[in-house]
């Protein structure tokens, strides 16, 4: 890899603690990195689970469980949207 290889951009840094956390398998690290990549300037990310599944070639169950674990471990916070009747969607 060349020092100024632009074919790898855009890229971003991931905290070392993500790679050192023994609770996180490679799928969870990949999912975390994807969510960091998708976040906007206000630290929000709203990709649909179906989009994540397609982009990462993962099952719906794997993505859903992975997001819940990342939330439980404090790497992201899941906010559930509510419809007009106040039910979670």
PDB file of N, CA and C in Angstrom:
ATOM      1  N   UNK A   1       0.846  -1.174   0.000  1.00  0.00           N
ATOM      2  CA  UNK A   1       0.000   0.000   0.000  1.00  0.00           C
ATOM      3  C   UNK A   1       0.894   1.242   0.000  1.00  0.00           C
ATOM      4  N   UNK A   2       0.596   2.154  -0.888  1.00  0.00           N
ATOM      5  CA  UNK A   2       1.351   3.399  -0.963  1.00  0.00           C
ATOM      6  C   UNK A   2       0.847   4.372   0.083  1.00  0.00           C
ATOM      7  N   UNK A   3       1.730   5.244   0.527  1.00  0.00           N
ATOM      8  CA  UNK A   3       1.399   6.171   1.609  1.00  0.00           C
ATOM      9  C   UNK A   3       0.215   7.071   1.272  1.00  0.00           C
ATOM     10  N   UNK A   4       0.145   7.579   0.067  1.00  0.00           N
ATOM     11  CA  UNK A   4      -0.925   8.510  -0.310  1.00  0.00           C
ATOM     12  C   UNK A   4      -1.933   7.865  -1.241  1.00  0.00           C
ATOM     13  N   UNK A   5      -2.207   6.589  -1.050  1.00  0.00           N
ATOM     14  CA  UNK A   5      -3.142   5.857  -1.890  1.00  0.00           C
ATOM     15  C   UNK A   5      -4.561   6.358  -1.634  1.00  0.00           C
ATOM     16  N   UNK A   6      -5.133   7.052  -2.603  1.00  0.00           N
ATOM     17  CA  UNK A   6      -6.472   7.621  -2.435  1.00  0.00           C
ATOM     18  C   UNK A   6      -7.568   6.612  -2.722  1.00  0.00           C
ATOM     19  N   UNK A   7      -7.230   5.417  -3.205  1.00  0.00           N
ATOM     20  CA  UNK A   7      -8.258   4.423  -3.477  1.00  0.00           C
ATOM     21  C   UNK A   7      -8.879   3.887  -2.188  1.00  0.00           C
ATOM     22  N   UNK A   8      -8.242   4.122  -1.060  1.00  0.00           N
ATOM     23  CA  UNK A   8      -8.752   3.648   0.223  1.00  0.00           C
ATOM     24  C   UNK A   8      -9.622   4.681   0.929  1.00  0.00           C
ATOM     25  N   UNK A   9      -9.769   5.846   0.376  1.00  0.00           N
ATOM     26  CA  UNK A   9     -10.557   6.894   1.014  1.00  0.00           C
ATOM     27  C   UNK A   9     -12.004   6.779   0.571  1.00  0.00           C
ATOM     28  N   UNK A  10     -13.009   7.131   1.349  1.00  0.00           N
ATOM     29  CA  UNK A  10     -12.856   7.708   2.678  1.00  0.00           C
ATOM     30  C   UNK A  10     -12.532   6.631   3.712  1.00  0.00           C
ATOM     31  N   UNK A  11     -11.827   7.020   4.706  1.00  0.00           N
ATOM     32  CA  UNK A  11     -11.499   6.127   5.805  1.00  0.00           C
ATOM     33  C   UNK A  11     -11.682   6.886   7.105  1.00  0.00           C
ATOM     34  N   UNK A  12     -11.668   6.177   8.210  1.00  0.00           N
ATOM     35  CA  UNK A  12     -11.877   6.794   9.511  1.00  0.00           C
ATOM     36  C   UNK A  12     -11.138   5.987  10.559  1.00  0.00           C
ATOM     37  N   UNK A  13     -10.884   6.612  11.657  1.00  0.00           N
ATOM     38  CA  UNK A  13     -10.198   5.955  12.768  1.00  0.00           C
ATOM     39  C   UNK A  13     -11.211   5.292  13.691  1.00  0.00           C
ATOM     40  N   UNK A  14     -10.817   4.170  14.234  1.00  0.00           N
ATOM     41  CA  UNK A  14     -11.647   3.462  15.206  1.00  0.00           C
ATOM     42  C   UNK A  14     -10.838   3.352  16.490  1.00  0.00           C
ATOM     43  N   UNK A  15     -11.446   3.669  17.626  1.00  0.00           N
ATOM     44  CA  UNK A  15     -10.697   3.576  18.883  1.00  0.00           C
ATOM     45  C   UNK A  15     -10.131   2.173  19.105  1.00  0.00           C
ATOM     46  N   UNK A  16      -8.923   2.110  19.618  1.00  0.00           N
ATOM     47  CA  UNK A  16      -8.254   0.838  19.872  1.00  0.00           C
ATOM     48  C   UNK A  16      -9.064  -0.038  20.814  1.00  0.00           C
ATOM     49  N   UNK A  17      -9.800   0.579  21.737  1.00  0.00           N
ATOM     50  CA  UNK A  17     -10.583  -0.206  22.703  1.00  0.00           C
ATOM     51  C   UNK A  17     -11.623  -1.087  22.017  1.00  0.00           C
ATOM     52  N   UNK A  18     -12.084  -0.690  20.830  1.00  0.00           N
ATOM     53  CA  UNK A  18     -13.042  -1.509  20.089  1.00  0.00           C
ATOM     54  C   UNK A  18     -12.389  -2.829  19.689  1.00  0.00           C
ATOM     55  N   UNK A  19     -11.153  -2.778  19.238  1.00  0.00           N
ATOM     56  CA  UNK A  19     -10.447  -3.988  18.829  1.00  0.00           C
ATOM     57  C   UNK A  19      -9.976  -4.815  20.025  1.00  0.00           C
ATOM     58  N   UNK A  20      -9.792  -4.176  21.163  1.00  0.00           N
ATOM     59  CA  UNK A  20      -9.299  -4.874  22.355  1.00  0.00           C
ATOM     60  C   UNK A  20     -10.410  -5.448  23.228  1.00  0.00           C
ATOM     61  N   UNK A  21     -11.637  -5.026  23.007  1.00  0.00           N
ATOM     62  CA  UNK A  21     -12.765  -5.476  23.816  1.00  0.00           C
ATOM     63  C   UNK A  21     -13.067  -6.943  23.484  1.00  0.00           C
ATOM     64  N   UNK A  22     -12.832  -7.827  24.412  1.00  0.00           N
ATOM     65  CA  UNK A  22     -13.003  -9.274  24.203  1.00  0.00           C
ATOM     66  C   UNK A  22     -14.460  -9.676  24.004  1.00  0.00           C
ATOM     67  N   UNK A  23     -15.390  -8.803  24.348  1.00  0.00           N
ATOM     68  CA  UNK A  23     -16.812  -9.114  24.140  1.00  0.00           C
ATOM     69  C   UNK A  23     -17.206  -8.988  22.679  1.00  0.00           C
ATOM     70  N   UNK A  24     -16.413  -8.258  21.901  1.00  0.00           N
ATOM     71  CA  UNK A  24     -16.761  -7.985  20.513  1.00  0.00           C
ATOM     72  C   UNK A  24     -16.079  -8.967  19.572  1.00  0.00           C
ATOM     73  N   UNK A  25     -16.875  -9.712  18.815  1.00  0.00           N
ATOM     74  CA  UNK A  25     -16.311 -10.567  17.788  1.00  0.00           C
ATOM     75  C   UNK A  25     -16.126  -9.722  16.511  1.00  0.00           C
ATOM     76  N   UNK A  26     -15.610 -10.319  15.471  1.00  0.00           N
ATOM     77  CA  UNK A  26     -15.344  -9.564  14.245  1.00  0.00           C
ATOM     78  C   UNK A  26     -16.608  -8.989  13.619  1.00  0.00           C
ATOM     79  N   UNK A  27     -17.713  -9.699  13.736  1.00  0.00           N
ATOM     80  CA  UNK A  27     -18.973  -9.191  13.197  1.00  0.00           C
ATOM     81  C   UNK A  27     -19.397  -7.926  13.930  1.00  0.00           C
ATOM     82  N   UNK A  28     -19.266  -7.916  15.253  1.00  0.00           N
ATOM     83  CA  UNK A  28     -19.643  -6.727  16.023  1.00  0.00           C
ATOM     84  C   UNK A  28     -18.712  -5.551  15.724  1.00  0.00           C
ATOM     85  N   UNK A  29     -17.427  -5.819  15.560  1.00  0.00           N
ATOM     86  CA  UNK A  29     -16.484  -4.761  15.202  1.00  0.00           C
ATOM     87  C   UNK A  29     -16.843  -4.195  13.842  1.00  0.00           C
ATOM     88  N   UNK A  30     -17.148  -5.059  12.893  1.00  0.00           N
ATOM     89  CA  UNK A  30     -17.534  -4.626  11.550  1.00  0.00           C
ATOM     90  C   UNK A  30     -18.823  -3.790  11.607  1.00  0.00           C
ATOM     91  N   UNK A  31     -19.790  -4.248  12.365  1.00  0.00           N
ATOM     92  CA  UNK A  31     -21.052  -3.530  12.510  1.00  0.00           C
ATOM     93  C   UNK A  31     -20.834  -2.164  13.164  1.00  0.00           C
ATOM     94  N   UNK A  32     -19.986  -2.111  14.183  1.00  0.00           N
ATOM     95  CA  UNK A  32     -19.662  -0.840  14.834  1.00  0.00           C
ATOM     96  C   UNK A  32     -19.018   0.121  13.836  1.00  0.00           C
ATOM     97  N   UNK A  33     -18.049  -0.373  13.085  1.00  0.00           N
ATOM     98  CA  UNK A  33     -17.347   0.462  12.110  1.00  0.00           C
ATOM     99  C   UNK A  33     -18.323   0.975  11.054  1.00  0.00           C
ATOM    100  N   UNK A  34     -19.248   0.138  10.631  1.00  0.00           N
ATOM    101  CA  UNK A  34     -20.257   0.541   9.649  1.00  0.00           C
ATOM    102  C   UNK A  34     -21.119   1.677  10.207  1.00  0.00           C
ATOM    103  N   UNK A  35     -21.558   1.543  11.444  1.00  0.00           N
ATOM    104  CA  UNK A  35     -22.409   2.572  12.039  1.00  0.00           C
ATOM    105  C   UNK A  35     -21.643   3.885  12.212  1.00  0.00           C
ATOM    106  N   UNK A  36     -20.361   3.811  12.568  1.00  0.00           N
ATOM    107  CA  UNK A  36     -19.541   5.023  12.662  1.00  0.00           C
ATOM    108  C   UNK A  36     -19.441   5.682  11.288  1.00  0.00           C
ATOM    109  N   UNK A  37     -19.229   4.865  10.263  1.00  0.00           N
ATOM    110  CA  UNK A  37     -19.133   5.375   8.897  1.00  0.00           C
ATOM    111  C   UNK A  37     -20.427   6.061   8.466  1.00  0.00           C
ATOM    112  N   UNK A  38     -21.567   5.503   8.870  1.00  0.00           N
ATOM    113  CA  UNK A  38     -22.874   6.029   8.457  1.00  0.00           C
ATOM    114  C   UNK A  38     -23.355   7.215   9.280  1.00  0.00           C
ATOM    115  N   UNK A  39     -22.700   7.490  10.400  1.00  0.00           N
ATOM    116  CA  UNK A  39     -23.197   8.575  11.248  1.00  0.00           C
ATOM    117  C   UNK A  39     -23.008   9.926  10.563  1.00  0.00           C
ATOM    118  N   UNK A  40     -23.905  10.812  10.839  1.00  0.00           N
ATOM    119  CA  UNK A  40     -23.815  12.148  10.287  1.00  0.00           C
ATOM    120  C   UNK A  40     -22.971  13.057  11.157  1.00  0.00           C
ATOM    121  N   UNK A  41     -22.951  14.310  10.814  1.00  0.00           N
ATOM    122  CA  UNK A  41     -22.156  15.270  11.585  1.00  0.00           C
ATOM    123  C   UNK A  41     -22.697  15.479  12.989  1.00  0.00           C
ATOM    124  N   UNK A  42     -23.954  15.132  13.215  1.00  0.00           N
ATOM    125  CA  UNK A  42     -24.535  15.289  14.549  1.00  0.00           C
ATOM    126  C   UNK A  42     -24.516  13.975  15.320  1.00  0.00           C
ATOM    127  N   UNK A  43     -23.655  13.022  14.883  1.00  0.00           N
ATOM    128  CA  UNK A  43     -23.473  11.730  15.550  1.00  0.00           C
ATOM    129  C   UNK A  43     -24.692  10.823  15.485  1.00  0.00           C
ATOM    130  N   UNK A  44     -25.580  11.022  14.513  1.00  0.00           N
ATOM    131  CA  UNK A  44     -26.737  10.162  14.333  1.00  0.00           C
ATOM    132  C   UNK A  44     -26.529   9.271  13.117  1.00  0.00           C
ATOM    133  N   UNK A  45     -27.028   8.049  13.181  1.00  0.00           N
ATOM    134  CA  UNK A  45     -27.019   7.129  12.047  1.00  0.00           C
ATOM    135  C   UNK A  45     -28.376   6.437  12.014  1.00  0.00           C
ATOM    136  N   UNK A  46     -29.013   6.462  10.848  1.00  0.00           N
ATOM    137  CA  UNK A  46     -30.353   5.893  10.747  1.00  0.00           C
ATOM    138  C   UNK A  46     -30.516   4.884   9.611  1.00  0.00           C
ATOM    139  N   UNK A  47     -29.517   4.061   9.315  1.00  0.00           N
ATOM    140  CA  UNK A  47     -29.737   3.097   8.235  1.00  0.00           C
ATOM    141  C   UNK A  47     -30.761   2.041   8.655  1.00  0.00           C
ATOM    142  N   UNK A  48     -31.581   1.619   7.709  1.00  0.00           N
ATOM    143  CA  UNK A  48     -32.521   0.544   7.978  1.00  0.00           C
ATOM    144  C   UNK A  48     -31.750  -0.760   8.183  1.00  0.00           C
ATOM    145  N   UNK A  49     -32.309  -1.646   8.993  1.00  0.00           N
ATOM    146  CA  UNK A  49     -31.655  -2.930   9.218  1.00  0.00           C
ATOM    147  C   UNK A  49     -31.482  -3.659   7.884  1.00  0.00           C
ATOM    148  N   UNK A  50     -32.471  -3.545   7.001  1.00  0.00           N
ATOM    149  CA  UNK A  50     -32.386  -4.190   5.696  1.00  0.00           C
ATOM    150  C   UNK A  50     -31.195  -3.652   4.896  1.00  0.00           C
ATOM    151  N   UNK A  51     -30.931  -2.355   5.002  1.00  0.00           N
ATOM    152  CA  UNK A  51     -29.796  -1.746   4.301  1.00  0.00           C
ATOM    153  C   UNK A  51     -28.486  -2.268   4.870  1.00  0.00           C
ATOM    154  N   UNK A  52     -28.396  -2.346   6.192  1.00  0.00           N
ATOM    155  CA  UNK A  52     -27.190  -2.859   6.834  1.00  0.00           C
ATOM    156  C   UNK A  52     -26.957  -4.311   6.401  1.00  0.00           C
ATOM    157  N   UNK A  53     -28.022  -5.118   6.395  1.00  0.00           N
ATOM    158  CA  UNK A  53     -27.914  -6.520   5.981  1.00  0.00           C
ATOM    159  C   UNK A  53     -27.346  -6.628   4.572  1.00  0.00           C
ATOM    160  N   UNK A  54     -27.873  -5.829   3.683  1.00  0.00           N
ATOM    161  CA  UNK A  54     -27.435  -5.868   2.285  1.00  0.00           C
ATOM    162  C   UNK A  54     -25.985  -5.405   2.159  1.00  0.00           C
ATOM    163  N   UNK A  55     -25.656  -4.286   2.787  1.00  0.00           N
ATOM    164  CA  UNK A  55     -24.309  -3.715   2.672  1.00  0.00           C
ATOM    165  C   UNK A  55     -23.236  -4.622   3.273  1.00  0.00           C
ATOM    166  N   UNK A  56     -23.560  -5.294   4.389  1.00  0.00           N
ATOM    167  CA  UNK A  56     -22.568  -6.108   5.084  1.00  0.00           C
ATOM    168  C   UNK A  56     -22.730  -7.606   4.825  1.00  0.00           C
ATOM    169  N   UNK A  57     -23.762  -7.963   4.047  1.00  0.00           N
ATOM    170  CA  UNK A  57     -24.035  -9.368   3.740  1.00  0.00           C
ATOM    171  C   UNK A  57     -24.237 -10.182   5.025  1.00  0.00           C
ATOM    172  N   UNK A  58     -25.085  -9.639   5.910  1.00  0.00           N
ATOM    173  CA  UNK A  58     -25.403 -10.289   7.175  1.00  0.00           C
ATOM    174  C   UNK A  58     -26.904 -10.538   7.253  1.00  0.00           C
ATOM    175  N   UNK A  59     -27.304 -11.495   8.054  1.00  0.00           N
ATOM    176  CA  UNK A  59     -28.728 -11.783   8.226  1.00  0.00           C
ATOM    177  C   UNK A  59     -29.382 -10.716   9.110  1.00  0.00           C
ATOM    178  N   UNK A  60     -30.702 -10.653   9.006  1.00  0.00           N
ATOM    179  CA  UNK A  60     -31.471  -9.709   9.824  1.00  0.00           C
ATOM    180  C   UNK A  60     -31.244  -9.987  11.308  1.00  0.00           C
ATOM    181  N   UNK A  61     -31.259 -11.263  11.685  1.00  0.00           N
ATOM    182  CA  UNK A  61     -31.064 -11.632  13.098  1.00  0.00           C
ATOM    183  C   UNK A  61     -29.679 -11.224  13.593  1.00  0.00           C
ATOM    184  N   UNK A  62     -28.652 -11.422  12.767  1.00  0.00           N
ATOM    185  CA  UNK A  62     -27.285 -11.068  13.161  1.00  0.00           C
ATOM    186  C   UNK A  62     -27.159  -9.570  13.375  1.00  0.00           C
ATOM    187  N   UNK A  63     -27.728  -8.782  12.475  1.00  0.00           N
ATOM    188  CA  UNK A  63     -27.650  -7.322  12.593  1.00  0.00           C
ATOM    189  C   UNK A  63     -28.444  -6.850  13.811  1.00  0.00           C
ATOM    190  N   UNK A  64     -29.645  -7.352  13.970  1.00  0.00           N
ATOM    191  CA  UNK A  64     -30.489  -6.934  15.093  1.00  0.00           C
ATOM    192  C   UNK A  64     -29.835  -7.277  16.435  1.00  0.00           C
ATOM    193  N   UNK A  65     -29.351  -8.505  16.571  1.00  0.00           N
ATOM    194  CA  UNK A  65     -28.683  -8.914  17.807  1.00  0.00           C
ATOM    195  C   UNK A  65     -27.396  -8.117  18.017  1.00  0.00           C
ATOM    196  N   UNK A  66     -26.667  -7.880  16.939  1.00  0.00           N
ATOM    197  CA  UNK A  66     -25.418  -7.119  17.037  1.00  0.00           C
ATOM    198  C   UNK A  66     -25.641  -5.693  17.495  1.00  0.00           C
ATOM    199  N   UNK A  67     -26.649  -5.038  16.932  1.00  0.00           N
ATOM    200  CA  UNK A  67     -26.958  -3.665  17.348  1.00  0.00           C
ATOM    201  C   UNK A  67     -27.359  -3.621  18.814  1.00  0.00           C
ATOM    202  N   UNK A  68     -28.148  -4.606  19.241  1.00  0.00           N
ATOM    203  CA  UNK A  68     -28.555  -4.658  20.647  1.00  0.00           C
ATOM    204  C   UNK A  68     -27.358  -4.858  21.575  1.00  0.00           C
ATOM    205  N   UNK A  69     -26.418  -5.707  21.172  1.00  0.00           N
ATOM    206  CA  UNK A  69     -25.217  -5.909  21.998  1.00  0.00           C
ATOM    207  C   UNK A  69     -24.348  -4.653  22.032  1.00  0.00           C
ATOM    208  N   UNK A  70     -24.186  -3.986  20.897  1.00  0.00           N
ATOM    209  CA  UNK A  70     -23.398  -2.748  20.878  1.00  0.00           C
ATOM    210  C   UNK A  70     -24.044  -1.682  21.753  1.00  0.00           C
ATOM    211  N   UNK A  71     -25.369  -1.663  21.789  1.00  0.00           N
ATOM    212  CA  UNK A  71     -26.095  -0.753  22.671  1.00  0.00           C
ATOM    213  C   UNK A  71     -25.852  -1.144  24.131  1.00  0.00           C
ATOM    214  N   UNK A  72     -25.962  -2.420  24.427  1.00  0.00           N
ATOM    215  CA  UNK A  72     -25.756  -2.915  25.801  1.00  0.00           C
ATOM    216  C   UNK A  72     -24.341  -2.611  26.297  1.00  0.00           C
ATOM    217  N   UNK A  73     -23.354  -2.748  25.424  1.00  0.00           N
ATOM    218  CA  UNK A  73     -21.957  -2.523  25.800  1.00  0.00           C
ATOM    219  C   UNK A  73     -21.565  -1.045  25.773  1.00  0.00           C
ATOM    220  N   UNK A  74     -22.478  -0.173  25.355  1.00  0.00           N
ATOM    221  CA  UNK A  74     -22.222   1.266  25.391  1.00  0.00           C
ATOM    222  C   UNK A  74     -21.526   1.842  24.170  1.00  0.00           C
ATOM    223  N   UNK A  75     -21.476   1.091  23.080  1.00  0.00           N
ATOM    224  CA  UNK A  75     -20.815   1.590  21.874  1.00  0.00           C
ATOM    225  C   UNK A  75     -21.744   2.417  20.999  1.00  0.00           C
ATOM    226  N   UNK A  76     -23.034   2.238  21.165  1.00  0.00           N
ATOM    227  CA  UNK A  76     -24.013   3.073  20.476  1.00  0.00           C
ATOM    228  C   UNK A  76     -25.285   3.086  21.302  1.00  0.00           C
ATOM    229  N   UNK A  77     -26.178   3.973  20.955  1.00  0.00           N
ATOM    230  CA  UNK A  77     -27.450   4.076  21.676  1.00  0.00           C
ATOM    231  C   UNK A  77     -28.567   3.959  20.659  1.00  0.00           C
ATOM    232  N   UNK A  78     -29.440   2.997  20.874  1.00  0.00           N
ATOM    233  CA  UNK A  78     -30.566   2.793  19.977  1.00  0.00           C
ATOM    234  C   UNK A  78     -31.745   3.605  20.483  1.00  0.00           C
ATOM    235  N   UNK A  79     -32.247   4.461  19.625  1.00  0.00           N
ATOM    236  CA  UNK A  79     -33.443   5.241  19.927  1.00  0.00           C
ATOM    237  C   UNK A  79     -34.569   4.703  19.056  1.00  0.00           C
ATOM    238  N   UNK A  80     -35.648   4.290  19.667  1.00  0.00           N
ATOM    239  CA  UNK A  80     -36.773   3.729  18.926  1.00  0.00           C
ATOM    240  C   UNK A  80     -37.740   4.837  18.546  1.00  0.00           C
ATOM    241  N   UNK A  81     -38.079   4.875  17.268  1.00  0.00           N
ATOM    242  CA  UNK A  81     -39.049   5.856  16.796  1.00  0.00           C
ATOM    243  C   UNK A  81     -40.447   5.384  17.186  1.00  0.00           C
ATOM    244  N   UNK A  82     -41.329   6.351  17.409  1.00  0.00           N
ATOM    245  CA  UNK A  82     -42.704   6.012  17.756  1.00  0.00           C
ATOM    246  C   UNK A  82     -43.635   6.552  16.687  1.00  0.00           C
ATOM    247  N   UNK A  83     -44.717   5.795  16.438  1.00  0.00           N
ATOM    248  CA  UNK A  83     -45.697   6.258  15.468  1.00  0.00           C
ATOM    249  C   UNK A  83     -46.662   7.241  16.145  1.00  0.00           C
ATOM    250  N   UNK A  84     -47.679   7.650  15.417  1.00  0.00           N
ATOM    251  CA  UNK A  84     -48.611   8.656  15.943  1.00  0.00           C
ATOM    252  C   UNK A  84     -49.366   8.185  17.172  1.00  0.00           C
ATOM    253  N   UNK A  85     -49.484   6.880  17.345  1.00  0.00           N
ATOM    254  CA  UNK A  85     -50.189   6.331  18.503  1.00  0.00           C
ATOM    255  C   UNK A  85     -49.259   6.086  19.686  1.00  0.00           C
ATOM    256  N   UNK A  86     -47.974   6.408  19.532  1.00  0.00           N
ATOM    257  CA  UNK A  86     -47.022   6.234  20.613  1.00  0.00           C
ATOM    258  C   UNK A  86     -46.403   4.862  20.694  1.00  0.00           C
ATOM    259  N   UNK A  87     -46.654   4.035  19.664  1.00  0.00           N
ATOM    260  CA  UNK A  87     -46.069   2.687  19.642  1.00  0.00           C
ATOM    261  C   UNK A  87     -44.694   2.725  19.013  1.00  0.00           C
ATOM    262  N   UNK A  88     -43.785   1.905  19.538  1.00  0.00           N
ATOM    263  CA  UNK A  88     -42.441   1.805  18.956  1.00  0.00           C
ATOM    264  C   UNK A  88     -42.535   1.142  17.593  1.00  0.00           C
ATOM    265  N   UNK A  89     -41.674   1.639  16.688  1.00  0.00           N
ATOM    266  CA  UNK A  89     -41.624   1.044  15.349  1.00  0.00           C
ATOM    267  C   UNK A  89     -40.302   0.359  15.167  1.00  0.00           C
TER     268      UNK A  89
END
